[in-house]
Amino acid sequence: MAHEAYIVGQSFDQLLAHAAEECAEVAQALAKAARFGMDSVNPDLPPEQQETNADGIWREFQALVDAMIRPMIPFRHSLRG
């Protein structure tokens, strides 16, 4: 998720690119869950850093929503085509 200071001053194209990156991260989390299961965790991480694939999907989805809505509010007129 991008920090507020990072978002300020970005062009519309940069904001779209950030949203596209977040889409790819959601897709990667979904593919990982499909391959290893929703309750699986990365065994290479220390226990305090482990999260289930279901939690990872949710975290990435929240980042995607944030990337799509918060920074694009000033540009909403551009999205109506």
C-alpha atoms as a PDB file:
ATOM      1  CA  MET A   1       0.000   0.000   0.000  1.00  0.00           C
ATOM      2  CA  ALA A   2       1.329   3.412  -0.937  1.00  0.00           C
ATOM      3  CA  HIS A   3       1.927   6.019   1.721  1.00  0.00           C
ATOM      4  CA  GLU A   4      -0.124   9.234   1.429  1.00  0.00           C
ATOM      5  CA  ALA A   5       3.004  11.335   0.794  1.00  0.00           C
ATOM      6  CA  TYR A   6       3.871   9.042  -2.120  1.00  0.00           C
ATOM      7  CA  ILE A   7       0.460   9.508  -3.742  1.00  0.00           C
ATOM      8  CA  VAL A   8       0.464  13.309  -3.638  1.00  0.00           C
ATOM      9  CA  GLY A   9       1.839  14.734  -6.860  1.00  0.00           C
ATOM     10  CA  GLN A  10       1.478  11.576  -8.931  1.00  0.00           C
ATOM     11  CA  SER A  11      -0.038  11.797 -12.381  1.00  0.00           C
ATOM     12  CA  PHE A  12      -3.203   9.940 -13.332  1.00  0.00           C
ATOM     13  CA  ASP A  13      -1.106   7.449 -15.352  1.00  0.00           C
ATOM     14  CA  GLN A  14       1.111   6.775 -12.326  1.00  0.00           C
ATOM     15  CA  LEU A  15      -1.954   6.143 -10.185  1.00  0.00           C
ATOM     16  CA  LEU A  16      -3.303   3.726 -12.804  1.00  0.00           C
ATOM     17  CA  ALA A  17       0.043   1.911 -12.883  1.00  0.00           C
ATOM     18  CA  HIS A  18      -0.046   1.572  -9.094  1.00  0.00           C
ATOM     19  CA  ALA A  19      -3.562   0.104  -9.277  1.00  0.00           C
ATOM     20  CA  ALA A  20      -2.389  -2.342 -11.969  1.00  0.00           C
ATOM     21  CA  GLU A  21       0.484  -3.456  -9.726  1.00  0.00           C
ATOM     22  CA  GLU A  22      -1.962  -4.083  -6.906  1.00  0.00           C
ATOM     23  CA  CYS A  23      -4.169  -6.143  -9.277  1.00  0.00           C
ATOM     24  CA  ALA A  24      -1.158  -8.317 -10.064  1.00  0.00           C
ATOM     25  CA  GLU A  25      -0.487  -8.826  -6.348  1.00  0.00           C
ATOM     26  CA  VAL A  26      -4.101  -9.916  -5.784  1.00  0.00           C
ATOM     27  CA  ALA A  27      -3.801 -12.353  -8.708  1.00  0.00           C
ATOM     28  CA  GLN A  28      -0.560 -13.744  -7.292  1.00  0.00           C
ATOM     29  CA  ALA A  29      -2.141 -14.236  -3.844  1.00  0.00           C
ATOM     30  CA  LEU A  30      -5.145 -16.000  -5.414  1.00  0.00           C
ATOM     31  CA  ALA A  31      -2.900 -18.297  -7.467  1.00  0.00           C
ATOM     32  CA  LYS A  32      -0.832 -19.142  -4.385  1.00  0.00           C
ATOM     33  CA  ALA A  33      -3.989 -20.063  -2.469  1.00  0.00           C
ATOM     34  CA  ALA A  34      -5.250 -22.186  -5.367  1.00  0.00           C
ATOM     35  CA  ARG A  35      -1.940 -24.026  -5.474  1.00  0.00           C
ATOM     36  CA  PHE A  36      -1.255 -24.516  -1.758  1.00  0.00           C
ATOM     37  CA  GLY A  37      -4.631 -24.001  -0.056  1.00  0.00           C
ATOM     38  CA  MET A  38      -6.287 -21.132   1.763  1.00  0.00           C
ATOM     39  CA  ASP A  39      -4.958 -22.145   5.192  1.00  0.00           C
ATOM     40  CA  SER A  40      -1.368 -22.719   4.065  1.00  0.00           C
ATOM     41  CA  VAL A  41       1.462 -20.472   5.298  1.00  0.00           C
ATOM     42  CA  ASN A  42       5.003 -19.870   4.043  1.00  0.00           C
ATOM     43  CA  PRO A  43       7.133 -22.227   6.181  1.00  0.00           C
ATOM     44  CA  ASP A  44      10.304 -20.277   5.339  1.00  0.00           C
ATOM     45  CA  LEU A  45       9.103 -17.239   7.297  1.00  0.00           C
ATOM     46  CA  PRO A  46       9.462 -16.928  11.075  1.00  0.00           C
ATOM     47  CA  PRO A  47       6.210 -17.794  12.867  1.00  0.00           C
ATOM     48  CA  GLU A  48       5.544 -14.157  13.817  1.00  0.00           C
ATOM     49  CA  GLN A  49       5.616 -13.173  10.108  1.00  0.00           C
ATOM     50  CA  GLN A  50       3.491 -16.028   8.787  1.00  0.00           C
ATOM     51  CA  GLU A  51      -0.021 -15.396   7.512  1.00  0.00           C
ATOM     52  CA  THR A  52      -2.460 -17.762   5.879  1.00  0.00           C
ATOM     53  CA  ASN A  53      -3.039 -17.448   2.167  1.00  0.00           C
ATOM     54  CA  ALA A  54      -6.591 -16.327   2.973  1.00  0.00           C
ATOM     55  CA  ASP A  55      -5.199 -13.486   5.078  1.00  0.00           C
ATOM     56  CA  GLY A  56      -2.747 -12.612   2.300  1.00  0.00           C
ATOM     57  CA  ILE A  57      -5.583 -12.390  -0.223  1.00  0.00           C
ATOM     58  CA  TRP A  58      -7.518 -10.095   2.084  1.00  0.00           C
ATOM     59  CA  ARG A  59      -4.456  -7.877   2.706  1.00  0.00           C
ATOM     60  CA  GLU A  60      -3.747  -7.555  -1.009  1.00  0.00           C
ATOM     61  CA  PHE A  61      -7.411  -6.912  -1.811  1.00  0.00           C
ATOM     62  CA  GLN A  62      -7.498  -4.093   0.751  1.00  0.00           C
ATOM     63  CA  ALA A  63      -4.382  -2.595  -0.863  1.00  0.00           C
ATOM     64  CA  LEU A  64      -6.087  -2.808  -4.269  1.00  0.00           C
ATOM     65  CA  VAL A  65      -9.224  -1.062  -3.032  1.00  0.00           C
ATOM     66  CA  ASP A  66      -7.047   1.632  -1.479  1.00  0.00           C
ATOM     67  CA  ALA A  67      -5.134   2.062  -4.741  1.00  0.00           C
ATOM     68  CA  MET A  68      -8.356   2.291  -6.759  1.00  0.00           C
ATOM     69  CA  ILE A  69     -10.438   4.608  -4.611  1.00  0.00           C
ATOM     70  CA  ARG A  70      -8.504   6.939  -2.347  1.00  0.00           C
ATOM     71  CA  PRO A  71      -6.029   8.482  -4.784  1.00  0.00           C
ATOM     72  CA  MET A  72      -8.401   8.513  -7.760  1.00  0.00           C
ATOM     73  CA  ILE A  73     -11.127  10.602  -6.152  1.00  0.00           C
ATOM     74  CA  PRO A  74      -9.659  13.836  -7.623  1.00  0.00           C
ATOM     75  CA  PHE A  75      -9.634  12.171 -11.071  1.00  0.00           C
ATOM     76  CA  ARG A  76     -13.138  10.664 -11.006  1.00  0.00           C
ATOM     77  CA  HIS A  77     -14.246  12.899 -13.898  1.00  0.00           C
ATOM     78  CA  SER A  78     -11.546  11.286 -16.096  1.00  0.00           C
ATOM     79  CA  LEU A  79     -12.958   7.811 -15.464  1.00  0.00           C
ATOM     80  CA  ARG A  80     -16.368   8.500 -16.982  1.00  0.00           C
ATOM     81  CA  GLY A  81     -15.197   8.495 -20.608  1.00  0.00           C
END
